């Protein structure tokens, strides 16, 4: 009997599975087909092939089109070329990480299609050598902080995005997978931070990834004290300039660390490392501060689990996709270049949430 199913290209199917980090068992479960059926396809046996519904399910889980599974595979990975700086760099990214990173790259494509491409990040993203690190950190702080001594994560993100950089946040991904990701492009480079990290940790990561972009490089990072010292030092210098650190001086090192943490909006661990770099704290002080930071974040996470109310969808959208991208989509909606269904699709949110996003972002007053 002749098969009536659709013949899938096994090489393409294998490529997309590897690219997004899905095993045959996982894909079969997500797509609703049997493992044995999928195994046949992967080994070139397309009898009986797959139905269009099955093909569509498989493609949707692989974040690709049905047509792409019928033709030869791409030559290059879907994520832009980057250096893996993670401590566990031999471990592949999880499916959820790959999925969200690909969604952010698609969001960037949407952004470019809606934007006039006049974004300029040149004032912020000039390349520098290590000998210029202190100067560039001071210049960056002046551009982002102005006269403020510290910024919240939202304020810092908004300040960076004003220079045409898109900031996204992954949700539901453990920090053991990655803490930060950066992808350099001449127009609309992106930074991704992990929402599982503490707010102070995310601020440090954001500036760490900004250092990558300033040097026109892309990276996947775990943000540890033993890797990428220049990016770590840049983030520390921006958040904790020496004059501000000395302005918090206390006779007791632990009290000094705590005051820096409070006044400059950084973790105790980061504050202790900065004092160690300046010669005022020992390695033992750093280790104790690191443990206190971990304990404080564990307590905070426990409180969130027991007391947090469900987050409205529009807030989740804004947190996930960032203010600049969200505002660009809403600008296009307001000007009539796209309709509500387009905006809903681009923001991955329900139509009723669009009005709440517009209200929150002040569209009655002219938008972003």
Protein backbone atom coordinates (compact mmCIF):
# COMPACT_ATOMS: atom_id res chain seq x y z
CA UNK A 1 0.00 0.00 0.00
CA UNK A 2 1.30 3.49 -0.88
CA UNK A 3 1.77 5.84 2.07
CA UNK A 4 -0.47 8.92 2.16
CA UNK A 5 1.58 10.62 4.87
CA UNK A 6 3.90 13.59 4.41
CA UNK A 7 7.58 12.59 4.04
CA UNK A 8 9.80 14.41 6.55
CA UNK A 9 13.47 15.07 5.85
CA UNK A 10 15.21 13.12 8.66
CA UNK A 11 18.35 15.29 8.51
CA UNK A 12 16.30 18.45 8.99
CA UNK A 13 14.30 16.93 11.81
CA UNK A 14 17.52 15.90 13.57
CA UNK A 15 19.06 19.36 13.01
CA UNK A 16 16.10 21.21 14.52
CA UNK A 17 15.93 18.82 17.47
CA UNK A 18 19.61 19.37 18.24
CA UNK A 19 19.32 23.10 17.67
CA UNK A 20 16.59 23.55 20.26
CA UNK A 21 17.76 20.84 22.66
CA UNK A 22 15.00 18.22 22.41
CA UNK A 23 15.54 14.48 22.66
CA UNK A 24 13.38 12.10 20.58
CA UNK A 25 11.45 11.06 23.68
CA UNK A 26 10.77 14.68 24.67
CA UNK A 27 9.72 15.73 21.18
CA UNK A 28 7.42 12.73 20.79
CA UNK A 29 5.72 13.56 24.08
CA UNK A 30 5.34 17.26 23.28
CA UNK A 31 4.13 16.65 19.72
CA UNK A 32 1.73 13.85 20.65
CA UNK A 33 3.20 11.06 18.52
CA UNK A 34 4.70 7.73 19.51
CA UNK A 35 8.42 7.39 20.11
CA UNK A 36 8.57 4.44 17.72
CA UNK A 37 6.94 6.46 14.94
CA UNK A 38 9.37 9.34 15.45
CA UNK A 39 12.30 6.91 15.55
CA UNK A 40 11.29 5.55 12.16
CA UNK A 41 11.24 9.03 10.67
CA UNK A 42 14.64 9.86 12.14
CA UNK A 43 16.05 6.74 10.49
CA UNK A 44 14.63 7.65 7.08
CA UNK A 45 11.56 5.42 7.16
CA UNK A 46 8.71 7.68 6.01
CA UNK A 47 6.15 4.91 5.72
CA UNK A 48 3.53 5.96 6.75
CA UNK A 49 5.05 9.45 7.12
CA UNK A 50 3.13 11.98 9.20
CA UNK A 51 -0.20 13.71 8.88
CA UNK A 52 -0.29 17.47 8.39
CA UNK A 53 -1.54 17.85 11.96
CA UNK A 54 1.37 15.80 13.30
CA UNK A 55 3.84 17.74 11.14
CA UNK A 56 2.42 21.03 12.39
CA UNK A 57 2.71 19.84 16.02
CA UNK A 58 6.32 18.79 15.51
CA UNK A 59 7.24 22.06 13.79
CA UNK A 60 5.58 24.19 16.48
CA UNK A 61 7.54 22.43 19.25
CA UNK A 62 10.76 22.94 17.29
CA UNK A 63 9.88 26.62 16.72
CA UNK A 64 10.13 26.28 12.97
CA UNK A 65 7.84 26.01 9.95
CA UNK A 66 6.36 22.84 8.52
CA UNK A 67 8.12 23.52 5.21
CA UNK A 68 11.55 23.60 6.88
CA UNK A 69 11.14 19.93 7.88
CA UNK A 70 10.64 18.88 4.26
CA UNK A 71 13.82 20.43 2.83
CA UNK A 72 17.55 20.08 3.64
CA UNK A 73 18.64 21.52 7.01
CA UNK A 74 20.24 24.96 7.49
CA UNK A 75 24.00 25.21 7.50
CA UNK A 76 24.37 27.35 10.63
CA UNK A 77 22.84 27.25 14.14
CA UNK A 78 19.85 29.51 14.67
CA UNK A 79 21.48 31.44 17.52
CA UNK A 80 24.07 34.02 16.41
CA UNK A 81 27.68 32.98 16.86
CA UNK A 82 28.75 33.52 20.46
CA UNK A 83 31.33 32.40 22.99
CA UNK A 84 30.13 30.08 25.75
CA UNK A 85 31.66 31.45 28.95
CA UNK A 86 29.62 29.23 31.29
CA UNK A 87 31.39 27.07 33.84
CA UNK A 88 29.37 24.10 32.51
CA UNK A 89 29.99 25.01 28.87
CA UNK A 90 29.92 21.37 27.83
CA UNK A 91 26.28 21.13 28.92
CA UNK A 92 23.77 21.97 26.17
CA UNK A 93 21.17 24.61 26.88
CA UNK A 94 17.80 23.35 28.02
CA UNK A 95 14.82 23.30 25.68
CA UNK A 96 13.19 26.17 27.60
CA UNK A 97 16.34 28.32 27.31
CA UNK A 98 16.67 27.67 23.59
CA UNK A 99 12.98 28.28 23.07
CA UNK A 100 12.98 31.67 24.76
CA UNK A 101 16.24 32.83 23.16
CA UNK A 102 14.80 32.02 19.73
CA UNK A 103 11.62 33.91 20.62
CA UNK A 104 13.72 36.94 21.52
CA UNK A 105 15.55 36.79 18.19
CA UNK A 106 12.17 36.64 16.45
CA UNK A 107 11.08 39.64 18.53
CA UNK A 108 14.16 41.48 17.30
CA UNK A 109 13.12 40.70 13.70
CA UNK A 110 9.68 42.13 14.49
CA UNK A 111 11.31 45.20 16.00
CA UNK A 112 13.40 45.81 12.88
CA UNK A 113 10.34 45.42 10.65
CA UNK A 114 8.47 48.08 12.66
CA UNK A 115 11.36 50.43 13.38
CA UNK A 116 12.89 53.01 11.07
CA UNK A 117 16.37 51.54 11.77
CA UNK A 118 17.65 54.88 12.99
CA UNK A 119 18.57 53.55 16.42
CA UNK A 120 22.03 54.66 17.45
CA UNK A 121 23.95 52.94 20.20
CA UNK A 122 27.27 54.49 19.11
CA UNK A 123 27.46 56.73 22.17
CA UNK A 124 27.32 53.70 24.44
CA UNK A 125 28.88 50.87 22.43
CA UNK A 126 32.27 52.26 21.45
CA UNK A 127 34.92 49.55 21.71
CA UNK A 128 37.64 49.91 24.34
CA UNK A 129 40.86 48.28 25.49
CA UNK A 130 41.48 47.01 29.01
CA UNK A 131 43.65 50.03 29.81
CA UNK A 132 40.59 52.23 29.15
CA UNK A 133 38.32 50.20 31.43
CA UNK A 134 38.07 52.67 34.30
CA UNK A 135 37.46 55.62 32.00
CA UNK A 136 34.78 53.83 29.97
CA UNK A 137 33.05 52.59 33.12
CA UNK A 138 32.91 56.17 34.43
CA UNK A 139 31.56 57.44 31.10
CA UNK A 140 28.95 54.68 31.02
CA UNK A 141 27.86 55.44 34.57
CA UNK A 142 27.43 59.11 33.67
CA UNK A 143 25.31 58.21 30.63
CA UNK A 144 23.10 55.73 32.48
CA UNK A 145 22.92 57.03 36.05
CA UNK A 146 23.16 60.77 35.59
CA UNK A 147 23.34 62.25 39.11
CA UNK A 148 21.69 59.24 40.79
CA UNK A 149 23.79 57.10 43.11
CA UNK A 150 21.82 53.93 42.35
CA UNK A 151 19.13 52.69 39.98
CA UNK A 152 16.50 49.98 40.27
CA UNK A 153 16.62 47.17 37.70
CA UNK A 154 13.74 48.77 35.78
CA UNK A 155 15.46 52.17 35.76
CA UNK A 156 18.76 50.67 34.63
CA UNK A 157 17.06 48.62 31.89
CA UNK A 158 15.21 51.69 30.62
CA UNK A 159 18.44 53.70 30.60
CA UNK A 160 20.26 51.06 28.54
CA UNK A 161 17.35 50.57 26.15
CA UNK A 162 17.31 54.28 25.32
CA UNK A 163 20.47 53.60 23.34
CA UNK A 164 18.71 51.16 21.02
CA UNK A 165 19.59 47.97 22.91
CA UNK A 166 16.79 45.43 23.41
CA UNK A 167 16.63 43.84 26.85
CA UNK A 168 14.69 40.62 27.40
CA UNK A 169 14.26 38.36 30.42
CA UNK A 170 13.96 34.59 30.47
CA UNK A 171 11.42 33.15 32.89
CA UNK A 172 11.36 29.66 34.40
CA UNK A 173 14.99 28.92 33.53
CA UNK A 174 17.39 28.00 36.38
CA UNK A 175 20.46 30.19 36.76
CA UNK A 176 22.53 27.02 36.45
CA UNK A 177 21.61 27.08 32.74
CA UNK A 178 22.79 30.66 32.23
CA UNK A 179 22.56 34.07 33.87
CA UNK A 180 23.13 36.33 30.89
CA UNK A 181 23.25 36.30 27.11
CA UNK A 182 24.30 39.00 24.67
CA UNK A 183 24.13 39.11 20.88
CA UNK A 184 25.93 41.94 19.13
CA UNK A 185 24.41 43.48 16.00
CA UNK A 186 25.17 46.89 14.49
CA UNK A 187 21.48 47.73 14.94
CA UNK A 188 19.36 46.54 17.86
CA UNK A 189 21.82 44.32 19.77
CA UNK A 190 20.20 42.29 22.51
CA UNK A 191 20.82 41.47 26.16
CA UNK A 192 18.99 38.65 27.96
CA UNK A 193 18.97 38.34 31.74
CA UNK A 194 17.57 35.54 33.89
CA UNK A 195 14.55 36.40 36.02
CA UNK A 196 15.42 33.61 38.46
CA UNK A 197 18.33 35.71 39.72
CA UNK A 198 18.02 38.38 42.40
CA UNK A 199 17.37 41.98 41.32
CA UNK A 200 20.89 43.06 42.27
CA UNK A 201 22.29 40.04 40.48
CA UNK A 202 20.36 40.94 37.33
CA UNK A 203 21.69 44.50 37.40
CA UNK A 204 25.24 43.18 37.56
CA UNK A 205 24.51 40.72 34.73
CA UNK A 206 22.98 43.45 32.58
CA UNK A 207 26.14 45.56 32.84
CA UNK A 208 28.35 42.49 32.36
CA UNK A 209 26.56 41.76 29.08
CA UNK A 210 26.72 45.43 28.13
CA UNK A 211 30.51 45.12 28.32
CA UNK A 212 30.30 42.31 25.77
CA UNK A 213 28.30 44.51 23.42
CA UNK A 214 30.69 47.43 23.92
CA UNK A 215 33.45 45.17 22.64
CA UNK A 216 31.22 43.99 19.78
CA UNK A 217 31.16 40.41 21.06
CA UNK A 218 28.38 37.98 21.97
CA UNK A 219 28.40 35.69 24.98
CA UNK A 220 26.50 33.11 26.99
CA UNK A 221 27.47 33.61 30.60
CA UNK A 222 27.14 32.16 34.09
CA UNK A 223 28.71 35.28 35.73
CA UNK A 224 31.23 33.79 38.14
CA UNK A 225 34.25 35.36 39.82
CA UNK A 226 36.61 33.01 37.95
CA UNK A 227 35.55 33.86 34.39
CA UNK A 228 35.42 37.00 32.25
CA UNK A 229 37.25 39.31 34.68
CA UNK A 230 37.09 42.35 32.40
CA UNK A 231 33.28 42.21 32.04
CA UNK A 232 32.91 41.63 35.78
CA UNK A 233 35.25 44.52 36.59
CA UNK A 234 33.37 46.82 34.22
CA UNK A 235 30.03 46.02 35.90
CA UNK A 236 31.57 46.55 39.35
CA UNK A 237 33.11 49.90 38.38
CA UNK A 238 29.82 51.19 36.94
CA UNK A 239 27.79 50.12 39.96
CA UNK A 240 30.40 50.91 42.61
CA UNK A 241 32.79 53.73 41.67
CA UNK A 242 35.61 54.10 44.16
CA UNK A 243 34.42 57.49 45.39
CA UNK A 244 31.00 56.06 46.24
CA UNK A 245 32.53 53.03 47.93
CA UNK A 246 34.75 55.24 50.09
CA UNK A 247 31.76 57.45 50.86
CA UNK A 248 30.17 54.43 52.56
CA UNK A 249 33.22 53.71 54.73
CA UNK A 250 32.69 52.12 58.15
CA UNK A 251 35.29 50.94 60.66
CA UNK A 252 33.91 47.39 60.57
CA UNK A 253 34.29 45.60 57.21
CA UNK A 254 30.96 43.77 57.48
CA UNK A 255 29.19 47.05 58.27
CA UNK A 256 30.98 48.66 55.31
CA UNK A 257 29.85 45.86 52.99
CA UNK A 258 26.27 46.16 54.20
CA UNK A 259 26.25 49.94 53.70
CA UNK A 260 27.61 49.63 50.14
CA UNK A 261 24.94 47.04 49.41
CA UNK A 262 22.20 49.32 50.70
CA UNK A 263 23.39 52.65 49.32
CA UNK A 264 24.58 51.48 45.89
CA UNK A 265 22.00 48.75 45.24
CA UNK A 266 24.33 45.76 44.91
CA UNK A 267 24.59 42.39 46.63
CA UNK A 268 26.77 41.99 49.70
CA UNK A 269 28.85 39.55 47.67
CA UNK A 270 29.53 42.13 44.94
CA UNK A 271 30.30 44.79 47.56
CA UNK A 272 32.79 42.49 49.31
CA UNK A 273 34.55 41.65 46.03
CA UNK A 274 34.85 45.36 45.26
CA UNK A 275 36.39 46.03 48.68
CA UNK A 276 38.72 43.07 48.17
CA UNK A 277 39.85 44.54 44.83
CA UNK A 278 40.55 47.82 46.62
CA UNK A 279 42.47 46.04 49.38
CA UNK A 280 39.99 46.58 52.22
CA UNK A 281 38.41 43.11 52.54
CA UNK A 282 39.90 39.63 52.82
CA UNK A 283 38.93 36.49 50.94
CA UNK A 284 37.26 35.32 54.13
CA UNK A 285 35.16 38.50 54.16
CA UNK A 286 34.16 37.81 50.56
CA UNK A 287 33.19 34.20 51.34
CA UNK A 288 31.03 35.26 54.28
CA UNK A 289 29.35 37.98 52.22
CA UNK A 290 28.68 35.49 49.42
CA UNK A 291 26.90 33.17 51.85
CA UNK A 292 24.85 36.03 53.28
CA UNK A 293 23.79 37.03 49.77
CA UNK A 294 22.73 33.47 48.99
CA UNK A 295 20.79 33.20 52.25
CA UNK A 296 19.06 36.56 51.66
CA UNK A 297 17.99 35.56 48.15
CA UNK A 298 16.76 32.16 49.37
CA UNK A 299 14.61 33.92 52.00
CA UNK A 300 13.28 36.31 49.38
CA UNK A 301 12.35 33.46 47.04
CA UNK A 302 10.59 31.64 49.87
CA UNK A 303 8.59 34.78 50.69
CA UNK A 304 7.62 35.17 47.03
CA UNK A 305 6.32 31.61 46.86
CA UNK A 306 4.14 32.05 49.93
CA UNK A 307 2.91 35.62 49.47
CA UNK A 308 2.98 36.58 45.78
CA UNK A 309 -0.31 36.99 43.99
CA UNK A 310 -0.62 35.87 40.36
CA UNK A 311 1.11 38.36 38.07
CA UNK A 312 -1.25 39.91 35.47
CA UNK A 313 -0.46 38.84 31.93
CA UNK A 314 0.35 42.37 30.75
CA UNK A 315 3.01 42.68 33.48
CA UNK A 316 4.48 39.31 32.48
CA UNK A 317 4.66 40.52 28.87
CA UNK A 318 6.45 43.73 29.83
CA UNK A 319 8.88 41.87 32.09
CA UNK A 320 9.59 39.22 29.44
CA UNK A 321 9.93 41.42 26.35
CA UNK A 322 11.13 44.72 27.81
CA UNK A 323 9.87 48.24 27.47
CA UNK A 324 11.54 49.17 24.19
CA UNK A 325 10.24 46.25 22.15
CA UNK A 326 6.79 46.40 23.74
CA UNK A 327 6.54 50.14 23.10
CA UNK A 328 7.62 49.73 19.48
CA UNK A 329 4.80 47.25 18.88
CA UNK A 330 2.29 49.50 20.63
CA UNK A 331 3.51 52.51 18.62
CA UNK A 332 2.80 50.57 15.42
CA UNK A 333 -0.65 49.63 16.74
CA UNK A 334 -1.48 53.21 17.68
CA UNK A 335 -0.38 54.55 14.29
CA UNK A 336 -2.47 51.94 12.45
CA UNK A 337 0.48 50.12 10.86
CA UNK A 338 -0.62 46.88 12.53
CA UNK A 339 -3.92 45.75 14.01
CA UNK A 340 -4.73 44.30 17.43
CA UNK A 341 -4.29 40.72 16.26
CA UNK A 342 -0.82 41.53 14.92
CA UNK A 343 0.12 43.25 18.18
CA UNK A 344 -1.28 40.38 20.21
CA UNK A 345 0.83 37.92 18.19
CA UNK A 346 4.01 40.00 18.39
CA UNK A 347 3.66 40.45 22.15
CA UNK A 348 2.40 36.89 22.75
CA UNK A 349 -0.44 38.24 24.86
CA UNK A 350 -4.22 38.42 24.73
CA UNK A 351 -5.92 41.37 23.07
CA UNK A 352 -7.42 42.68 26.38
CA UNK A 353 -3.90 43.05 27.78
CA UNK A 354 -2.94 45.51 25.05
CA UNK A 355 -5.01 48.32 26.52
CA UNK A 356 -3.53 47.73 29.97
CA UNK A 357 -0.02 47.86 28.52
CA UNK A 358 -0.85 51.11 26.73
CA UNK A 359 -2.21 52.63 29.93
CA UNK A 360 0.81 51.53 31.97
CA UNK A 361 3.27 52.91 29.41
CA UNK A 362 1.50 56.27 29.28
CA UNK A 363 0.17 56.20 25.75
CA UNK A 364 -2.40 58.82 26.64
CA UNK A 365 0.62 61.07 27.16
CA UNK A 366 2.45 60.19 23.97
CA UNK A 367 3.99 56.79 24.60
CA UNK A 368 7.54 55.69 25.39
